[in-house]
Amino acid sequence: MKILVLNCGSSSVKYQLLDMVTERVMAKGLVERVGSKDASFRHEKGNQKLQFNMDVPDHKVAIAKLLELLTDPQWGVLKSVKEIDGVGHRVVHGGEKFACSVKLSPDVRKTLEECCKYAPLHNPANLLGIQAIDELLPEVTQVGVFDTAFHQTMPRKAYLYAIPYKFYEENGIRRYGFHGTSHRYVSQRVAELMGRDIKTLKIVTCHLGNGASIAAVSGGKSIDTSMGFTPLEGLVMGTRSGDLDPAILVALGSEYGYSFSDIDNLLNKKSGLLGLSGLSNDMRDIEAGMENGHEGATRAFEVFTYRIIKYIGSYAAAMNGIDAIVFTGGIGENSAKVREWVLKGLTYLGLELDEALNRSPEKEKLITKPGSKVQAWVVPTNEELVIARDTLALINEK
C-alpha cells in the first residue's frame, strides 16, 4: 500500500509518499509560491535533492507536477500513479462535525465548505487540493485528517468562552484548538517510549514552532489546549500575539483608529517574538541576539518561555497531576535553551532536568534524570505518518 499525503496551504503544497508496509518515506517535497510564474519546487528521493522554479498558476498544476516527479525515470519512485492507493489530506478545520478522520464523500466536502468561515486562509486551499486529486486521480480514495479533531474530546468547561451562550449556539464560537494531529502523535509516541498504557498517563504536549500550542492529554484524550477559536490564542508565537486583554482591541480601534483589518494584521503578522524583539520571528535569531546582548531578543525570549511555564502549570492543575512533558515542533525539537528555561521553572513538580541529555544531539530523547517525578521528552512530530495511517485504516475498513 502506498499513500500520498498532501498538505495544501494558500500558496504552498507539501507532500510525502509513504510505503505503508514499512512506513518508509519514499519521496517528499514542497511547492512554494503557488499562483506565481516563479514558484519554487523542492523534491527529495532518499538523499537525492532536486530544486527548480516553474510557472505554477494553481494547486492543480502543482499537484500534477509532483505526480509527474513521482513517476519520473530519474526522480520518481513509482512506475505509474496507479500505484497510489490513497491520498490523505491535512485539513485545518473540521468544526464540531469531525472528531476523527473520514473519507471525503460529497457530504463531507459540503460540510468542509461550511467550515471555511472558521479557517478562511486554510480550508479553501485544502479543498483545492481535494478537487485537484478528483481530476487527476479520480479512482483514488481520499481521506481528510483534521487539525481540530483530536481536541473534540475537550469538555464543555474547557471549550466554552464566557460570552453570551447564543454565540456558541448560533455561530459556533468556542475553543477548537489546532495542531491536533501533532499533539496526538507525540502523546501516543511518548507513551510507547515510557512503556506505559497511554490511558494511565497525564501528558502535556508542547508543539513549539512559528505557530505554537500546548495541550493537556489525559488518558490519551485532549482535555484542553491553548489555541482557541483561531490559532491566535494562547502562547507567544513567531508573529502572533497569543493571549491578551480583549480591551486592547477596543483601544486600538477607538483611540488609535485601527480598522478590523489593521488589528488582524497587527496581532497575526507583526506581534509575538517579532513584535517583542524588534529583531526577528525566528527563535534562532532571538537566541543569537541574546548572546550578543540584544535587549529586545532577551525580552522576547523571557515572555515566550514564561507563557509556556504558565500553561504547563495550569494544565498540571487541570489534570490534577502530570506524568510527562513532551517538546516537539521546530523550536521544541531544536532549542535546548528554550527547554532548559521552561523546565527550570517547573522544579516544584519534582522535575529534574539532565542538562547533558538536553543538549545531546539525539532527536528523540528523554531529558530528565532517573529520579525525576515528571519525565520530559523531546519527540519529533510526524503528522504525515498519522495522516497516512488514518488513510490506510479507512481504505481497509470493511
Protein backbone atom coordinates (compact mmCIF):
# COMPACT_ATOMS: atom_id res chain seq x y z
CA MET A 1 0.00 0.00 0.00
CA LYS A 2 1.30 3.41 -0.99
CA ILE A 3 -0.26 6.55 0.45
CA LEU A 4 0.26 10.11 -0.78
CA VAL A 5 -0.07 12.75 1.94
CA LEU A 6 -0.91 16.31 0.88
CA ASN A 7 -0.83 19.50 2.93
CA CYS A 8 -2.16 22.32 0.76
CA GLY A 9 -1.72 25.85 2.07
CA SER A 10 -2.94 29.05 0.47
CA SER A 11 0.24 29.30 -1.62
CA SER A 12 2.01 26.00 -0.97
CA VAL A 13 1.76 22.23 -1.36
CA LYS A 14 3.73 19.92 0.92
CA TYR A 15 3.76 16.23 0.06
CA GLN A 16 5.06 12.82 1.11
CA LEU A 17 4.65 9.40 -0.46
CA LEU A 18 4.83 6.56 2.08
CA ASP A 19 5.13 2.81 1.65
CA MET A 20 2.80 1.64 4.42
CA VAL A 21 4.24 -1.87 4.60
CA THR A 22 7.35 -0.39 6.21
CA GLU A 23 6.02 3.17 6.85
CA ARG A 24 9.02 4.40 4.88
CA VAL A 25 9.00 7.80 3.18
CA MET A 26 9.67 7.05 -0.47
CA ALA A 27 9.76 10.67 -1.65
CA LYS A 28 8.73 14.09 -0.40
CA GLY A 29 8.73 17.69 -1.42
CA LEU A 30 7.41 21.21 -1.15
CA VAL A 31 5.99 23.67 -3.65
CA GLU A 32 6.04 27.31 -2.56
CA ARG A 33 4.59 30.45 -4.12
CA VAL A 34 1.72 28.61 -5.82
CA GLY A 35 -0.02 31.15 -8.04
CA SER A 36 3.31 32.56 -9.22
CA LYS A 37 5.19 32.24 -12.51
CA ASP A 38 8.32 31.67 -10.43
CA ALA A 39 7.11 29.07 -7.94
CA SER A 40 9.76 27.09 -6.06
CA PHE A 41 9.75 23.28 -6.29
CA ARG A 42 11.79 21.06 -3.96
CA HIS A 43 11.71 17.30 -4.35
CA GLU A 44 13.61 14.62 -2.42
CA LYS A 45 14.16 10.97 -3.20
CA GLY A 46 16.32 9.45 -0.49
CA ASN A 47 19.49 11.53 -0.34
CA GLN A 48 18.91 12.98 -3.79
CA LYS A 49 17.52 16.51 -3.89
CA LEU A 50 16.07 18.41 -6.82
CA GLN A 51 15.21 22.11 -6.81
CA PHE A 52 13.82 24.24 -9.62
CA ASN A 53 11.41 27.06 -10.39
CA MET A 54 8.45 26.98 -12.75
CA ASP A 55 5.13 28.59 -13.55
CA VAL A 56 2.55 27.20 -11.11
CA PRO A 57 -0.70 29.13 -11.58
CA ASP A 58 -2.75 26.97 -9.21
CA HIS A 59 -2.80 23.94 -6.90
CA LYS A 60 -3.84 21.57 -9.68
CA VAL A 61 -0.71 22.38 -11.69
CA ALA A 62 1.45 21.92 -8.58
CA ILE A 63 -0.07 18.52 -7.82
CA ALA A 64 0.12 17.41 -11.46
CA LYS A 65 3.83 18.24 -11.45
CA LEU A 66 4.54 16.37 -8.22
CA LEU A 67 2.73 13.31 -9.62
CA GLU A 68 4.91 13.63 -12.71
CA LEU A 69 8.01 13.71 -10.49
CA LEU A 70 6.87 10.65 -8.55
CA THR A 71 6.81 8.67 -11.81
CA ASP A 72 9.86 10.29 -13.41
CA PRO A 73 12.52 7.75 -14.59
CA GLN A 74 15.27 9.55 -12.65
CA TRP A 75 13.49 11.27 -9.75
CA GLY A 76 10.46 9.07 -9.33
CA VAL A 77 9.71 6.05 -7.14
CA LEU A 78 6.65 4.74 -8.98
CA LYS A 79 6.13 3.21 -12.40
CA SER A 80 2.62 4.65 -12.55
CA VAL A 81 0.35 6.88 -10.46
CA LYS A 82 -1.98 3.86 -10.37
CA GLU A 83 0.31 2.52 -7.63
CA ILE A 84 -1.04 5.22 -5.29
CA ASP A 85 -3.70 3.51 -3.17
CA GLY A 86 -4.98 6.54 -1.31
CA VAL A 87 -4.49 10.25 -0.68
CA GLY A 88 -4.61 11.68 2.82
CA HIS A 89 -5.19 15.41 3.19
CA ARG A 90 -4.33 17.59 6.13
CA VAL A 91 -7.45 19.68 6.70
CA VAL A 92 -7.12 22.51 9.20
CA HIS A 93 -10.68 22.92 10.45
CA GLY A 94 -13.39 20.31 10.87
CA GLY A 95 -15.54 22.31 13.28
CA GLU A 96 -17.65 20.20 15.63
CA LYS A 97 -18.61 17.83 12.84
CA PHE A 98 -15.44 15.74 12.76
CA ALA A 99 -13.87 14.12 15.80
CA CYS A 100 -11.93 11.64 13.67
CA SER A 101 -10.57 11.22 10.16
CA VAL A 102 -13.12 10.47 7.42
CA LYS A 103 -13.37 9.53 3.77
CA LEU A 104 -14.00 12.64 1.70
CA SER A 105 -17.51 11.90 0.44
CA PRO A 106 -19.62 14.63 -1.23
CA ASP A 107 -21.47 15.24 2.06
CA VAL A 108 -18.19 15.60 3.96
CA ARG A 109 -16.90 18.07 1.41
CA LYS A 110 -20.05 20.16 1.72
CA THR A 111 -19.51 20.34 5.47
CA LEU A 112 -15.87 21.34 4.92
CA GLU A 113 -17.05 24.22 2.75
CA GLU A 114 -19.22 25.36 5.66
CA CYS A 115 -16.13 25.27 7.91
CA CYS A 116 -14.31 27.71 5.61
CA LYS A 117 -15.72 30.59 7.68
CA TYR A 118 -13.65 29.32 10.63
CA ALA A 119 -10.42 28.91 8.64
CA PRO A 120 -10.70 31.21 5.60
CA LEU A 121 -6.97 31.03 4.83
CA HIS A 122 -6.64 27.27 5.11
CA ASN A 123 -9.79 25.25 4.38
CA PRO A 124 -10.33 26.71 0.87
CA ALA A 125 -6.78 25.67 -0.04
CA ASN A 126 -7.35 22.21 1.45
CA LEU A 127 -10.46 21.88 -0.73
CA LEU A 128 -8.49 22.93 -3.82
CA GLY A 129 -6.11 20.04 -3.19
CA ILE A 130 -9.01 17.62 -2.83
CA GLN A 131 -10.56 18.88 -6.08
CA ALA A 132 -7.23 18.57 -7.90
CA ILE A 133 -6.91 14.90 -6.89
CA ASP A 134 -10.51 14.34 -8.06
CA GLU A 135 -9.46 15.47 -11.51
CA LEU A 136 -6.00 13.91 -11.64
CA LEU A 137 -6.62 10.62 -9.77
CA PRO A 138 -10.39 10.13 -9.96
CA GLU A 139 -10.35 6.50 -8.80
CA VAL A 140 -8.28 7.04 -5.66
CA THR A 141 -9.82 7.09 -2.16
CA GLN A 142 -9.31 10.42 -0.41
CA VAL A 143 -9.30 10.93 3.35
CA GLY A 144 -9.44 14.11 5.44
CA VAL A 145 -7.44 14.31 8.68
CA PHE A 146 -8.35 17.37 10.75
CA ASP A 147 -6.15 19.60 12.91
CA THR A 148 -9.14 20.20 15.18
CA ALA A 149 -10.35 16.60 15.52
CA PHE A 150 -8.10 15.49 18.40
CA HIS A 151 -9.39 18.34 20.56
CA GLN A 152 -13.06 17.43 20.12
CA THR A 153 -12.81 15.45 23.37
CA MET A 154 -12.46 18.67 25.39
CA PRO A 155 -15.23 19.04 27.99
CA ARG A 156 -17.67 21.94 27.79
CA LYS A 157 -15.96 23.76 30.65
CA ALA A 158 -12.76 23.89 28.59
CA TYR A 159 -14.11 24.88 25.19
CA LEU A 160 -16.75 27.49 26.11
CA TYR A 161 -15.97 31.21 26.32
CA ALA A 162 -17.71 33.33 28.96
CA ILE A 163 -19.69 35.37 26.44
CA PRO A 164 -23.46 35.09 25.82
CA TYR A 165 -24.18 31.43 25.13
CA LYS A 166 -26.13 32.25 21.98
CA PHE A 167 -22.86 32.99 20.17
CA TYR A 168 -21.87 29.36 20.62
CA GLU A 169 -25.32 28.01 19.76
CA GLU A 170 -25.89 30.21 16.73
CA ASN A 171 -22.37 30.94 15.47
CA GLY A 172 -20.16 28.13 16.76
CA ILE A 173 -17.87 30.47 18.67
CA ARG A 174 -15.89 28.23 21.01
CA ARG A 175 -12.39 26.87 21.56
CA TYR A 176 -11.47 24.45 18.78
CA GLY A 177 -7.72 24.04 19.17
CA PHE A 178 -5.22 23.23 16.42
CA HIS A 179 -2.05 21.16 15.83
CA GLY A 180 -4.21 18.22 16.91
CA THR A 181 -2.50 15.69 14.65
CA SER A 182 0.87 16.61 16.15
CA HIS A 183 -0.38 16.52 19.76
CA ARG A 184 -1.98 13.16 19.07
CA TYR A 185 1.19 11.66 17.56
CA VAL A 186 3.67 12.81 20.21
CA SER A 187 1.42 11.89 23.14
CA GLN A 188 1.00 8.36 21.76
CA ARG A 189 4.69 8.10 20.94
CA VAL A 190 5.86 9.19 24.39
CA ALA A 191 3.57 6.60 26.00
CA GLU A 192 5.33 3.97 23.86
CA LEU A 193 8.75 5.30 24.85
CA MET A 194 7.79 5.23 28.53
CA GLY A 195 6.47 1.68 28.20
CA ARG A 196 3.12 2.80 29.61
CA ASP A 197 -0.50 2.50 28.56
CA ILE A 198 -1.50 5.99 27.44
CA LYS A 199 -4.84 5.55 29.24
CA THR A 200 -2.93 5.72 32.54
CA LEU A 201 -0.92 8.86 31.72
CA LYS A 202 -1.32 12.61 32.16
CA ILE A 203 0.80 14.33 29.50
CA VAL A 204 1.40 17.95 28.50
CA THR A 205 2.41 18.21 24.85
CA CYS A 206 4.21 21.37 23.68
CA HIS A 207 4.18 21.98 19.93
CA LEU A 208 6.55 24.93 19.66
CA GLY A 209 7.32 26.50 16.30
CA ASN A 210 6.44 29.68 14.44
CA GLY A 211 2.94 28.63 15.42
CA ALA A 212 2.83 27.20 18.95
CA SER A 213 0.31 25.43 21.15
CA ILE A 214 0.15 23.28 24.27
CA ALA A 215 -2.33 20.51 25.05
CA ALA A 216 -3.35 18.66 28.20
CA VAL A 217 -3.73 14.98 27.27
CA SER A 218 -5.29 12.82 29.96
CA GLY A 219 -5.79 9.12 29.29
CA GLY A 220 -4.96 9.67 25.62
CA LYS A 221 -7.61 12.37 25.16
CA SER A 222 -7.20 16.12 24.79
CA ILE A 223 -8.98 17.86 27.66
CA ASP A 224 -7.68 21.38 26.99
CA THR A 225 -5.43 23.26 24.59
CA SER A 226 -4.01 26.75 24.31
CA MET A 227 -5.19 27.73 20.81
CA GLY A 228 -8.83 28.70 20.69
CA PHE A 229 -11.46 29.82 18.19
CA THR A 230 -8.49 30.61 15.93
CA PRO A 231 -4.75 29.82 16.12
CA LEU A 232 -4.15 33.31 17.55
CA GLU A 233 -4.94 32.49 21.17
CA GLY A 234 -2.50 31.05 23.69
CA LEU A 235 1.28 31.13 23.58
CA VAL A 236 3.54 33.82 22.20
CA MET A 237 4.40 32.73 18.65
CA GLY A 238 6.64 33.89 15.83
CA THR A 239 4.40 36.75 14.72
CA ARG A 240 1.18 36.06 16.69
CA SER A 241 0.45 37.74 19.99
CA GLY A 242 -1.18 34.87 21.83
CA ASP A 243 -3.26 35.77 24.90
CA LEU A 244 -4.07 39.42 25.56
CA ASP A 245 -6.74 41.58 27.18
CA PRO A 246 -9.63 41.93 24.67
CA ALA A 247 -10.00 45.58 25.71
CA ILE A 248 -6.72 46.22 23.88
CA LEU A 249 -8.60 45.62 20.63
CA VAL A 250 -11.19 48.20 21.63
CA ALA A 251 -8.45 50.69 22.47
CA LEU A 252 -6.67 50.08 19.18
CA GLY A 253 -9.87 50.88 17.35
CA SER A 254 -11.31 53.73 19.39
CA GLU A 255 -8.13 55.51 20.45
CA TYR A 256 -5.72 54.75 17.61
CA GLY A 257 -8.09 54.41 14.66
CA TYR A 258 -7.15 50.85 13.75
CA SER A 259 -9.62 49.03 11.48
CA PHE A 260 -10.55 45.38 12.00
CA SER A 261 -8.18 44.52 9.16
CA ASP A 262 -5.39 46.55 10.78
CA ILE A 263 -5.89 44.77 14.10
CA ASP A 264 -5.96 41.34 12.46
CA ASN A 265 -2.72 42.11 10.63
CA LEU A 266 -1.05 43.52 13.76
CA LEU A 267 -1.90 40.56 16.00
CA ASN A 268 -1.23 37.80 13.46
CA LYS A 269 1.73 39.15 11.48
CA LYS A 270 3.53 41.82 13.50
CA SER A 271 3.36 40.63 17.11
CA GLY A 272 4.82 37.67 19.01
CA LEU A 273 8.59 37.25 19.01
CA LEU A 274 8.89 39.74 16.15
CA GLY A 275 6.89 42.45 17.90
CA LEU A 276 8.52 41.98 21.29
CA SER A 277 12.08 41.79 20.00
CA GLY A 278 12.00 44.20 17.09
CA LEU A 279 14.52 41.76 15.63
CA SER A 280 13.01 38.57 14.21
CA ASN A 281 10.24 35.98 14.43
CA ASP A 282 12.83 33.17 14.27
CA MET A 283 13.94 31.69 17.60
CA ARG A 284 17.42 31.05 16.20
CA ASP A 285 17.83 34.79 15.63
CA ILE A 286 16.39 35.52 19.08
CA GLU A 287 18.89 33.24 20.80
CA ALA A 288 21.78 34.68 18.78
CA GLY A 289 20.58 38.17 19.70
CA MET A 290 20.55 37.27 23.39
CA GLU A 291 24.14 36.08 23.17
CA ASN A 292 25.07 39.41 21.59
CA GLY A 293 23.31 41.42 24.31
CA HIS A 294 20.25 42.44 22.27
CA GLU A 295 17.72 43.67 24.83
CA GLY A 296 14.71 43.06 22.60
CA ALA A 297 15.75 39.46 21.98
CA THR A 298 16.12 38.83 25.72
CA ARG A 299 12.73 40.43 26.37
CA ALA A 300 11.02 38.27 23.75
CA PHE A 301 12.69 35.06 24.98
CA GLU A 302 11.63 35.73 28.57
CA VAL A 303 7.99 36.34 27.66
CA PHE A 304 7.93 33.33 25.31
CA THR A 305 9.24 30.86 27.89
CA TYR A 306 7.25 32.35 30.78
CA ARG A 307 3.98 31.83 28.91
CA ILE A 308 4.89 28.17 28.31
CA ILE A 309 5.65 27.66 32.00
CA LYS A 310 2.29 29.16 32.95
CA TYR A 311 0.36 26.93 30.57
CA ILE A 312 2.14 23.75 31.67
CA GLY A 313 1.43 24.61 35.30
CA SER A 314 -2.23 25.29 34.60
CA TYR A 315 -2.63 22.01 32.74
CA ALA A 316 -0.94 20.07 35.54
CA ALA A 317 -3.62 21.59 37.78
CA ALA A 318 -6.41 20.84 35.30
CA MET A 319 -5.42 17.16 35.15
CA ASN A 320 -4.70 17.01 38.91
CA GLY A 321 -1.22 15.71 38.16
CA ILE A 322 1.29 15.22 35.39
CA ASP A 323 3.49 12.32 34.31
CA ALA A 324 5.30 13.71 31.29
CA ILE A 325 6.03 16.85 29.28
CA VAL A 326 6.79 16.49 25.57
CA PHE A 327 8.54 19.04 23.36
CA THR A 328 8.02 18.98 19.59
CA GLY A 329 7.92 21.34 16.61
CA GLY A 330 10.82 23.36 15.18
CA ILE A 331 11.62 25.15 18.45
CA GLY A 332 10.60 22.35 20.77
CA GLU A 333 12.81 19.84 18.98
CA ASN A 334 15.83 22.05 18.35
CA SER A 335 16.15 24.66 21.10
CA ALA A 336 17.88 23.23 24.17
CA LYS A 337 17.84 26.73 25.65
CA VAL A 338 14.05 27.05 25.47
CA ARG A 339 13.60 23.61 27.04
CA GLU A 340 16.09 24.45 29.79
CA TRP A 341 14.42 27.73 30.73
CA VAL A 342 10.98 26.15 30.73
CA LEU A 343 11.88 23.08 32.76
CA LYS A 344 13.88 25.04 35.33
CA GLY A 345 10.66 26.90 36.04
CA LEU A 346 8.88 23.64 36.87
CA THR A 347 11.11 22.11 39.54
CA TYR A 348 8.23 22.32 42.04
CA LEU A 349 6.69 19.40 40.14
CA GLY A 350 9.65 17.24 41.14
CA LEU A 351 11.14 17.61 37.67
CA GLU A 352 14.93 17.27 37.39
CA LEU A 353 16.46 18.30 34.08
CA ASP A 354 19.57 16.47 32.87
CA GLU A 355 21.42 19.27 31.10
CA ALA A 356 23.77 16.93 29.24
CA LEU A 357 20.89 14.90 27.83
CA ASN A 358 19.03 18.09 26.95
CA ARG A 359 21.96 19.27 24.82
CA SER A 360 22.75 15.87 23.29
CA PRO A 361 22.35 15.50 19.52
CA GLU A 362 19.73 12.73 19.60
CA LYS A 363 16.44 13.75 18.03
CA GLU A 364 14.15 11.57 20.16
CA LYS A 365 15.24 11.53 23.79
CA LEU A 366 14.47 11.64 27.50
CA ILE A 367 15.97 14.80 29.02
CA THR A 368 15.26 14.34 32.74
CA LYS A 369 17.25 12.48 35.39
CA PRO A 370 16.26 8.95 36.52
CA GLY A 371 14.84 10.23 39.82
CA SER A 372 12.64 12.90 38.23
CA LYS A 373 8.99 12.55 39.28
CA VAL A 374 7.91 14.04 35.95
CA GLN A 375 9.64 12.94 32.77
CA ALA A 376 10.44 15.39 29.98
CA TRP A 377 10.92 14.18 26.41
CA VAL A 378 11.83 15.51 23.01
CA VAL A 379 9.81 13.75 20.30
CA PRO A 380 9.98 14.90 16.67
CA THR A 381 6.46 15.17 15.35
CA ASN A 382 5.29 13.15 12.37
CA GLU A 383 1.92 14.41 11.24
CA GLU A 384 2.33 12.88 7.79
CA LEU A 385 2.64 9.40 9.27
CA VAL A 386 -0.56 9.89 11.29
CA ILE A 387 -2.38 11.05 8.15
CA ALA A 388 -1.06 8.08 6.18
CA ARG A 389 -2.03 5.60 8.92
CA ASP A 390 -5.56 7.02 9.15
CA THR A 391 -5.91 6.93 5.38
CA LEU A 392 -4.81 3.31 5.23
CA ALA A 393 -7.15 2.33 8.06
CA LEU A 394 -10.15 3.88 6.31
CA ILE A 395 -9.24 2.26 2.99
CA ASN A 396 -9.10 -1.14 4.75
CA GLU A 397 -12.31 -0.52 6.68
CA LYS A 398 -15.00 -3.01 5.81
